[in-house]
């Protein structure tokens, strides 16, 4: 709790934070692009990382000299990609080490926990089941719940509202600079976690950078929220 007795909300991104899904996203984008006869490699994925699916599809169709798909076609292509992604992670689920234990520890200490991700709801529900954290969560916000993605703060503000917490009593755990910026725009401190595809310098704007979820202790979270509100 905060000094004023308010419950602290902790909002987690999913990809790269609770799941090490970097490679699965690359492989699913690559296979989807190739199915539509568009070349796609690691450089393209780095450029596209963290962007919303419609933007990625429009960008790559344009770069290939193709007419950009209409909204309905773009949605179908995105569905292909996400189905491929779910197939990959179902076969070999890429949980971040310590994710389940950490979530249960925070739940036991009375934190309110939420997922705030731009991923489709189906992906988040699958990951929550595989991580066995469904009973720990007080709220879930997915990409379809907001019209503006990160770095806009909409998703995190909605998560705080669903948690019943003031934004200033929430803290965000993220693996990407856009997510950290979104947290700050929402008036929340952020913790950056180093994961595949991101290193510490990418997360320099966060209040704290960690390399392992074991570092995410109740004391650290409470202390950072307290500092933020001073």
C-alpha atoms as a PDB file:
ATOM      1  CA  UNK A   1       0.000   0.000   0.000  1.00  0.00           C
ATOM      2  CA  UNK A   2       0.958   3.646  -0.403  1.00  0.00           C
ATOM      3  CA  UNK A   3       1.559   5.916   2.587  1.00  0.00           C
ATOM      4  CA  UNK A   4      -2.037   7.123   2.228  1.00  0.00           C
ATOM      5  CA  UNK A   5      -3.320   3.550   2.472  1.00  0.00           C
ATOM      6  CA  UNK A   6      -4.150   3.134  -1.211  1.00  0.00           C
ATOM      7  CA  UNK A   7      -3.615  -0.244  -2.860  1.00  0.00           C
ATOM      8  CA  UNK A   8      -0.839  -0.307  -5.469  1.00  0.00           C
ATOM      9  CA  UNK A   9      -1.647  -1.506  -8.968  1.00  0.00           C
ATOM     10  CA  UNK A  10       1.017  -3.238 -11.062  1.00  0.00           C
ATOM     11  CA  UNK A  11       0.407  -3.274 -14.820  1.00  0.00           C
ATOM     12  CA  UNK A  12       2.401  -5.749 -16.896  1.00  0.00           C
ATOM     13  CA  UNK A  13       3.033  -5.818 -20.583  1.00  0.00           C
ATOM     14  CA  UNK A  14       2.874  -9.401 -21.862  1.00  0.00           C
ATOM     15  CA  UNK A  15       5.306  -9.908 -24.761  1.00  0.00           C
ATOM     16  CA  UNK A  16       8.913  -9.636 -23.618  1.00  0.00           C
ATOM     17  CA  UNK A  17       7.835  -9.092 -20.017  1.00  0.00           C
ATOM     18  CA  UNK A  18       5.985 -12.209 -18.868  1.00  0.00           C
ATOM     19  CA  UNK A  19       6.718 -14.194 -22.042  1.00  0.00           C
ATOM     20  CA  UNK A  20       9.954 -14.357 -24.047  1.00  0.00           C
ATOM     21  CA  UNK A  21       8.024 -14.245 -27.313  1.00  0.00           C
ATOM     22  CA  UNK A  22      10.418 -12.247 -29.517  1.00  0.00           C
ATOM     23  CA  UNK A  23      11.426 -15.181 -31.738  1.00  0.00           C
ATOM     24  CA  UNK A  24       7.870 -16.496 -32.055  1.00  0.00           C
ATOM     25  CA  UNK A  25       6.674 -13.098 -33.270  1.00  0.00           C
ATOM     26  CA  UNK A  26       9.475 -12.929 -35.825  1.00  0.00           C
ATOM     27  CA  UNK A  27       8.790 -16.412 -37.171  1.00  0.00           C
ATOM     28  CA  UNK A  28       5.044 -15.803 -37.407  1.00  0.00           C
ATOM     29  CA  UNK A  29       5.502 -12.489 -39.223  1.00  0.00           C
ATOM     30  CA  UNK A  30       8.057 -14.041 -41.580  1.00  0.00           C
ATOM     31  CA  UNK A  31       5.811 -16.972 -42.499  1.00  0.00           C
ATOM     32  CA  UNK A  32       2.788 -14.705 -42.974  1.00  0.00           C
ATOM     33  CA  UNK A  33       4.659 -12.247 -45.180  1.00  0.00           C
ATOM     34  CA  UNK A  34       6.140 -15.040 -47.274  1.00  0.00           C
ATOM     35  CA  UNK A  35       2.676 -16.554 -47.725  1.00  0.00           C
ATOM     36  CA  UNK A  36       1.766 -13.243 -49.383  1.00  0.00           C
ATOM     37  CA  UNK A  37       5.009 -13.228 -51.421  1.00  0.00           C
ATOM     38  CA  UNK A  38       6.650 -10.445 -49.427  1.00  0.00           C
ATOM     39  CA  UNK A  39      10.260 -10.916 -48.323  1.00  0.00           C
ATOM     40  CA  UNK A  40      10.769 -10.415 -44.590  1.00  0.00           C
ATOM     41  CA  UNK A  41      13.936 -10.658 -42.534  1.00  0.00           C
ATOM     42  CA  UNK A  42      15.439  -9.676 -39.170  1.00  0.00           C
ATOM     43  CA  UNK A  43      16.019  -6.053 -40.230  1.00  0.00           C
ATOM     44  CA  UNK A  44      12.355  -5.685 -41.141  1.00  0.00           C
ATOM     45  CA  UNK A  45      11.309  -7.151 -37.799  1.00  0.00           C
ATOM     46  CA  UNK A  46      13.537  -4.757 -35.852  1.00  0.00           C
ATOM     47  CA  UNK A  47      11.985  -1.852 -37.758  1.00  0.00           C
ATOM     48  CA  UNK A  48       8.464  -3.108 -37.070  1.00  0.00           C
ATOM     49  CA  UNK A  49       8.935  -4.151 -33.446  1.00  0.00           C
ATOM     50  CA  UNK A  50       6.339  -2.669 -31.097  1.00  0.00           C
ATOM     51  CA  UNK A  51       4.093  -1.304 -33.838  1.00  0.00           C
ATOM     52  CA  UNK A  52       0.456  -2.279 -34.277  1.00  0.00           C
ATOM     53  CA  UNK A  53      -0.423  -4.928 -36.843  1.00  0.00           C
ATOM     54  CA  UNK A  54      -2.218  -2.642 -39.346  1.00  0.00           C
ATOM     55  CA  UNK A  55       0.815  -0.325 -39.439  1.00  0.00           C
ATOM     56  CA  UNK A  56       3.211  -3.236 -39.986  1.00  0.00           C
ATOM     57  CA  UNK A  57       1.100  -4.645 -42.803  1.00  0.00           C
ATOM     58  CA  UNK A  58       0.682  -1.287 -44.553  1.00  0.00           C
ATOM     59  CA  UNK A  59       4.409  -0.500 -44.250  1.00  0.00           C
ATOM     60  CA  UNK A  60       5.553  -3.819 -45.701  1.00  0.00           C
ATOM     61  CA  UNK A  61       3.045  -3.855 -48.528  1.00  0.00           C
ATOM     62  CA  UNK A  62       4.119  -0.312 -49.460  1.00  0.00           C
ATOM     63  CA  UNK A  63       7.828  -1.173 -49.283  1.00  0.00           C
ATOM     64  CA  UNK A  64       7.188  -4.136 -51.586  1.00  0.00           C
ATOM     65  CA  UNK A  65       5.518  -1.847 -54.126  1.00  0.00           C
ATOM     66  CA  UNK A  66       2.128  -3.402 -53.499  1.00  0.00           C
ATOM     67  CA  UNK A  67      -1.189  -1.637 -53.038  1.00  0.00           C
ATOM     68  CA  UNK A  68      -1.928  -1.494 -49.327  1.00  0.00           C
ATOM     69  CA  UNK A  69      -4.724  -3.839 -48.207  1.00  0.00           C
ATOM     70  CA  UNK A  70      -8.090  -2.412 -47.254  1.00  0.00           C
ATOM     71  CA  UNK A  71      -9.137  -2.623 -43.603  1.00  0.00           C
ATOM     72  CA  UNK A  72     -10.910  -5.976 -43.973  1.00  0.00           C
ATOM     73  CA  UNK A  73      -8.001  -7.597 -45.818  1.00  0.00           C
ATOM     74  CA  UNK A  74      -5.508  -6.168 -43.325  1.00  0.00           C
ATOM     75  CA  UNK A  75      -7.474  -7.670 -40.455  1.00  0.00           C
ATOM     76  CA  UNK A  76      -7.456 -11.085 -42.149  1.00  0.00           C
ATOM     77  CA  UNK A  77      -3.679 -10.900 -42.660  1.00  0.00           C
ATOM     78  CA  UNK A  78      -3.219  -9.940 -39.010  1.00  0.00           C
ATOM     79  CA  UNK A  79      -5.412 -12.886 -37.997  1.00  0.00           C
ATOM     80  CA  UNK A  80      -3.158 -15.207 -40.043  1.00  0.00           C
ATOM     81  CA  UNK A  81      -0.103 -13.881 -38.258  1.00  0.00           C
ATOM     82  CA  UNK A  82      -1.591 -14.184 -34.771  1.00  0.00           C
ATOM     83  CA  UNK A  83      -2.861 -17.715 -35.437  1.00  0.00           C
ATOM     84  CA  UNK A  84       0.658 -18.677 -36.541  1.00  0.00           C
ATOM     85  CA  UNK A  85       2.065 -17.065 -33.393  1.00  0.00           C
ATOM     86  CA  UNK A  86      -0.304 -18.975 -31.108  1.00  0.00           C
ATOM     87  CA  UNK A  87       0.564 -22.245 -32.843  1.00  0.00           C
ATOM     88  CA  UNK A  88       4.280 -21.646 -32.220  1.00  0.00           C
ATOM     89  CA  UNK A  89       3.973 -20.770 -28.538  1.00  0.00           C
ATOM     90  CA  UNK A  90       1.486 -23.552 -27.844  1.00  0.00           C
ATOM     91  CA  UNK A  91       4.058 -26.081 -29.054  1.00  0.00           C
ATOM     92  CA  UNK A  92       6.801 -24.666 -26.812  1.00  0.00           C
ATOM     93  CA  UNK A  93       5.578 -21.974 -24.443  1.00  0.00           C
ATOM     94  CA  UNK A  94       8.220 -19.259 -23.843  1.00  0.00           C
ATOM     95  CA  UNK A  95       7.523 -18.217 -20.251  1.00  0.00           C
ATOM     96  CA  UNK A  96       9.928 -15.691 -18.796  1.00  0.00           C
ATOM     97  CA  UNK A  97      11.846 -17.371 -15.951  1.00  0.00           C
ATOM     98  CA  UNK A  98      10.159 -16.768 -12.627  1.00  0.00           C
ATOM     99  CA  UNK A  99       7.027 -15.133 -14.067  1.00  0.00           C
ATOM    100  CA  UNK A 100       4.480 -17.367 -12.335  1.00  0.00           C
ATOM    101  CA  UNK A 101       6.254 -17.273  -8.961  1.00  0.00           C
ATOM    102  CA  UNK A 102       6.630 -13.490  -9.090  1.00  0.00           C
ATOM    103  CA  UNK A 103       2.970 -12.892  -9.959  1.00  0.00           C
ATOM    104  CA  UNK A 104       1.760 -15.146  -7.162  1.00  0.00           C
ATOM    105  CA  UNK A 105       4.075 -13.470  -4.650  1.00  0.00           C
ATOM    106  CA  UNK A 106       2.762 -10.011  -5.536  1.00  0.00           C
ATOM    107  CA  UNK A 107      -0.826 -11.245  -5.386  1.00  0.00           C
ATOM    108  CA  UNK A 108      -0.217 -12.671  -1.912  1.00  0.00           C
ATOM    109  CA  UNK A 109       1.189  -9.297  -0.805  1.00  0.00           C
ATOM    110  CA  UNK A 110      -2.033  -7.529  -1.777  1.00  0.00           C
ATOM    111  CA  UNK A 111      -1.020  -5.787  -5.002  1.00  0.00           C
ATOM    112  CA  UNK A 112      -3.684  -5.445  -7.684  1.00  0.00           C
ATOM    113  CA  UNK A 113      -2.338  -6.948 -10.897  1.00  0.00           C
ATOM    114  CA  UNK A 114      -3.254  -6.233 -14.511  1.00  0.00           C
ATOM    115  CA  UNK A 115      -2.125  -7.031 -18.019  1.00  0.00           C
ATOM    116  CA  UNK A 116      -1.855  -3.962 -20.259  1.00  0.00           C
ATOM    117  CA  UNK A 117      -0.861  -5.191 -23.711  1.00  0.00           C
ATOM    118  CA  UNK A 118      -1.493  -4.274 -27.337  1.00  0.00           C
ATOM    119  CA  UNK A 119      -1.735  -7.989 -28.164  1.00  0.00           C
ATOM    120  CA  UNK A 120      -5.028  -9.583 -29.261  1.00  0.00           C
ATOM    121  CA  UNK A 121      -7.220 -10.918 -26.472  1.00  0.00           C
ATOM    122  CA  UNK A 122      -6.797 -14.506 -27.715  1.00  0.00           C
ATOM    123  CA  UNK A 123      -3.017 -14.256 -27.295  1.00  0.00           C
ATOM    124  CA  UNK A 124      -3.291 -12.802 -23.804  1.00  0.00           C
ATOM    125  CA  UNK A 125      -5.801 -15.420 -22.676  1.00  0.00           C
ATOM    126  CA  UNK A 126      -3.561 -18.208 -23.986  1.00  0.00           C
ATOM    127  CA  UNK A 127      -0.526 -16.778 -22.196  1.00  0.00           C
ATOM    128  CA  UNK A 128      -2.425 -16.285 -18.947  1.00  0.00           C
ATOM    129  CA  UNK A 129      -3.535 -19.932 -19.040  1.00  0.00           C
ATOM    130  CA  UNK A 130      -0.068 -21.237 -19.856  1.00  0.00           C
ATOM    131  CA  UNK A 131       1.489 -19.108 -17.116  1.00  0.00           C
ATOM    132  CA  UNK A 132      -1.261 -20.215 -14.700  1.00  0.00           C
ATOM    133  CA  UNK A 133      -1.839 -16.653 -13.478  1.00  0.00           C
ATOM    134  CA  UNK A 134      -5.513 -16.152 -14.333  1.00  0.00           C
ATOM    135  CA  UNK A 135      -6.540 -16.203 -10.676  1.00  0.00           C
ATOM    136  CA  UNK A 136      -3.891 -13.573  -9.824  1.00  0.00           C
ATOM    137  CA  UNK A 137      -5.209 -10.958 -12.239  1.00  0.00           C
ATOM    138  CA  UNK A 138      -7.661  -8.222 -11.347  1.00  0.00           C
ATOM    139  CA  UNK A 139      -7.865  -6.689 -14.841  1.00  0.00           C
ATOM    140  CA  UNK A 140      -6.840  -7.301 -18.445  1.00  0.00           C
ATOM    141  CA  UNK A 141      -6.552  -4.712 -21.218  1.00  0.00           C
ATOM    142  CA  UNK A 142      -5.796  -5.853 -24.766  1.00  0.00           C
ATOM    143  CA  UNK A 143      -5.250  -4.092 -28.071  1.00  0.00           C
ATOM    144  CA  UNK A 144      -8.928  -4.151 -29.013  1.00  0.00           C
ATOM    145  CA  UNK A 145      -9.895  -2.225 -25.861  1.00  0.00           C
ATOM    146  CA  UNK A 146      -8.315   1.051 -27.013  1.00  0.00           C
ATOM    147  CA  UNK A 147      -8.053   2.914 -30.293  1.00  0.00           C
ATOM    148  CA  UNK A 148      -4.568   4.311 -29.670  1.00  0.00           C
ATOM    149  CA  UNK A 149      -1.628   2.054 -28.914  1.00  0.00           C
ATOM    150  CA  UNK A 150       1.618   2.740 -27.078  1.00  0.00           C
ATOM    151  CA  UNK A 151       3.258   5.226 -26.628  1.00  0.00           C
ATOM    152  CA  UNK A 152      -0.182   6.708 -26.030  1.00  0.00           C
ATOM    153  CA  UNK A 153      -1.276   6.138 -22.409  1.00  0.00           C
ATOM    154  CA  UNK A 154      -4.815   4.923 -23.115  1.00  0.00           C
ATOM    155  CA  UNK A 155      -4.248   1.235 -22.335  1.00  0.00           C
ATOM    156  CA  UNK A 156      -2.524   1.866 -19.019  1.00  0.00           C
ATOM    157  CA  UNK A 157      -5.107   4.431 -17.936  1.00  0.00           C
ATOM    158  CA  UNK A 158      -7.880   1.953 -18.719  1.00  0.00           C
ATOM    159  CA  UNK A 159      -6.035  -0.751 -16.765  1.00  0.00           C
ATOM    160  CA  UNK A 160      -5.756   1.558 -13.735  1.00  0.00           C
ATOM    161  CA  UNK A 161      -9.469   2.318 -13.958  1.00  0.00           C
ATOM    162  CA  UNK A 162     -10.336  -1.384 -14.125  1.00  0.00           C
ATOM    163  CA  UNK A 163      -8.074  -2.040 -11.136  1.00  0.00           C
ATOM    164  CA  UNK A 164      -9.835   0.682  -9.163  1.00  0.00           C
ATOM    165  CA  UNK A 165      -6.507   2.461  -8.598  1.00  0.00           C
ATOM    166  CA  UNK A 166      -5.416   6.034  -9.185  1.00  0.00           C
ATOM    167  CA  UNK A 167      -2.846   6.268 -12.013  1.00  0.00           C
ATOM    168  CA  UNK A 168      -0.262   7.660  -9.588  1.00  0.00           C
ATOM    169  CA  UNK A 169      -0.702   4.556  -7.411  1.00  0.00           C
ATOM    170  CA  UNK A 170       0.155   2.256 -10.328  1.00  0.00           C
ATOM    171  CA  UNK A 171       3.491   1.111 -11.705  1.00  0.00           C
ATOM    172  CA  UNK A 172       4.152  -0.398 -15.134  1.00  0.00           C
ATOM    173  CA  UNK A 173       6.530  -3.247 -16.018  1.00  0.00           C
ATOM    174  CA  UNK A 174       7.629  -3.081 -19.667  1.00  0.00           C
ATOM    175  CA  UNK A 175      10.321  -4.289 -22.047  1.00  0.00           C
ATOM    176  CA  UNK A 176      10.087  -1.535 -24.676  1.00  0.00           C
ATOM    177  CA  UNK A 177      10.734   2.198 -24.826  1.00  0.00           C
ATOM    178  CA  UNK A 178       7.266   2.891 -26.259  1.00  0.00           C
ATOM    179  CA  UNK A 179       5.667   1.196 -23.258  1.00  0.00           C
ATOM    180  CA  UNK A 180       7.796   3.159 -20.809  1.00  0.00           C
ATOM    181  CA  UNK A 181       6.815   6.388 -22.551  1.00  0.00           C
ATOM    182  CA  UNK A 182       3.150   5.350 -22.366  1.00  0.00           C
ATOM    183  CA  UNK A 183       3.506   4.758 -18.616  1.00  0.00           C
ATOM    184  CA  UNK A 184       5.013   8.196 -18.085  1.00  0.00           C
ATOM    185  CA  UNK A 185       2.297   9.835 -20.177  1.00  0.00           C
ATOM    186  CA  UNK A 186      -0.216   8.076 -17.922  1.00  0.00           C
ATOM    187  CA  UNK A 187       1.487   9.551 -14.853  1.00  0.00           C
ATOM    188  CA  UNK A 188       2.934   6.214 -13.728  1.00  0.00           C
ATOM    189  CA  UNK A 189       6.513   5.156 -12.960  1.00  0.00           C
ATOM    190  CA  UNK A 190       7.931   2.310 -15.012  1.00  0.00           C
ATOM    191  CA  UNK A 191      10.300  -0.600 -14.554  1.00  0.00           C
ATOM    192  CA  UNK A 192      12.092  -1.813 -17.667  1.00  0.00           C
ATOM    193  CA  UNK A 193      13.021  -5.476 -17.991  1.00  0.00           C
ATOM    194  CA  UNK A 194      15.826  -6.509 -20.318  1.00  0.00           C
ATOM    195  CA  UNK A 195      14.659  -9.283 -22.652  1.00  0.00           C
ATOM    196  CA  UNK A 196      15.335 -10.677 -26.121  1.00  0.00           C
ATOM    197  CA  UNK A 197      15.567  -7.825 -28.615  1.00  0.00           C
ATOM    198  CA  UNK A 198      16.081  -5.079 -26.014  1.00  0.00           C
ATOM    199  CA  UNK A 199      19.022  -4.137 -23.849  1.00  0.00           C
ATOM    200  CA  UNK A 200      19.382  -1.796 -20.892  1.00  0.00           C
ATOM    201  CA  UNK A 201      20.126   1.291 -22.978  1.00  0.00           C
ATOM    202  CA  UNK A 202      16.755   0.917 -24.739  1.00  0.00           C
ATOM    203  CA  UNK A 203      15.083   1.186 -21.322  1.00  0.00           C
ATOM    204  CA  UNK A 204      17.113   4.081 -19.926  1.00  0.00           C
ATOM    205  CA  UNK A 205      14.060   6.291 -19.366  1.00  0.00           C
ATOM    206  CA  UNK A 206      12.550   3.836 -16.851  1.00  0.00           C
ATOM    207  CA  UNK A 207      12.781   4.539 -13.126  1.00  0.00           C
ATOM    208  CA  UNK A 208      14.511   1.175 -12.699  1.00  0.00           C
ATOM    209  CA  UNK A 209      15.908  -1.445 -15.085  1.00  0.00           C
ATOM    210  CA  UNK A 210      15.983  -5.120 -14.082  1.00  0.00           C
ATOM    211  CA  UNK A 211      17.402  -8.223 -15.752  1.00  0.00           C
ATOM    212  CA  UNK A 212      15.356 -10.884 -13.963  1.00  0.00           C
ATOM    213  CA  UNK A 213      11.784 -11.020 -12.677  1.00  0.00           C
ATOM    214  CA  UNK A 214      13.148 -12.187  -9.312  1.00  0.00           C
ATOM    215  CA  UNK A 215      14.246  -8.571  -8.821  1.00  0.00           C
ATOM    216  CA  UNK A 216      10.604  -7.453  -8.909  1.00  0.00           C
ATOM    217  CA  UNK A 217       9.982  -7.524  -5.163  1.00  0.00           C
ATOM    218  CA  UNK A 218       7.115  -5.976  -3.185  1.00  0.00           C
ATOM    219  CA  UNK A 219       9.651  -3.656  -1.554  1.00  0.00           C
ATOM    220  CA  UNK A 220      10.944  -2.384  -4.902  1.00  0.00           C
ATOM    221  CA  UNK A 221       7.461  -1.714  -6.263  1.00  0.00           C
ATOM    222  CA  UNK A 222       6.225   0.029  -3.126  1.00  0.00           C
ATOM    223  CA  UNK A 223       9.394   2.107  -2.907  1.00  0.00           C
ATOM    224  CA  UNK A 224       9.207   3.332  -6.494  1.00  0.00           C
ATOM    225  CA  UNK A 225       5.546   4.322  -6.169  1.00  0.00           C
ATOM    226  CA  UNK A 226       6.364   6.161  -2.932  1.00  0.00           C
ATOM    227  CA  UNK A 227       9.237   8.038  -4.615  1.00  0.00           C
ATOM    228  CA  UNK A 228       7.000   8.891  -7.558  1.00  0.00           C
ATOM    229  CA  UNK A 229       4.382  10.451  -5.288  1.00  0.00           C
ATOM    230  CA  UNK A 230       6.745  12.544  -3.171  1.00  0.00           C
END
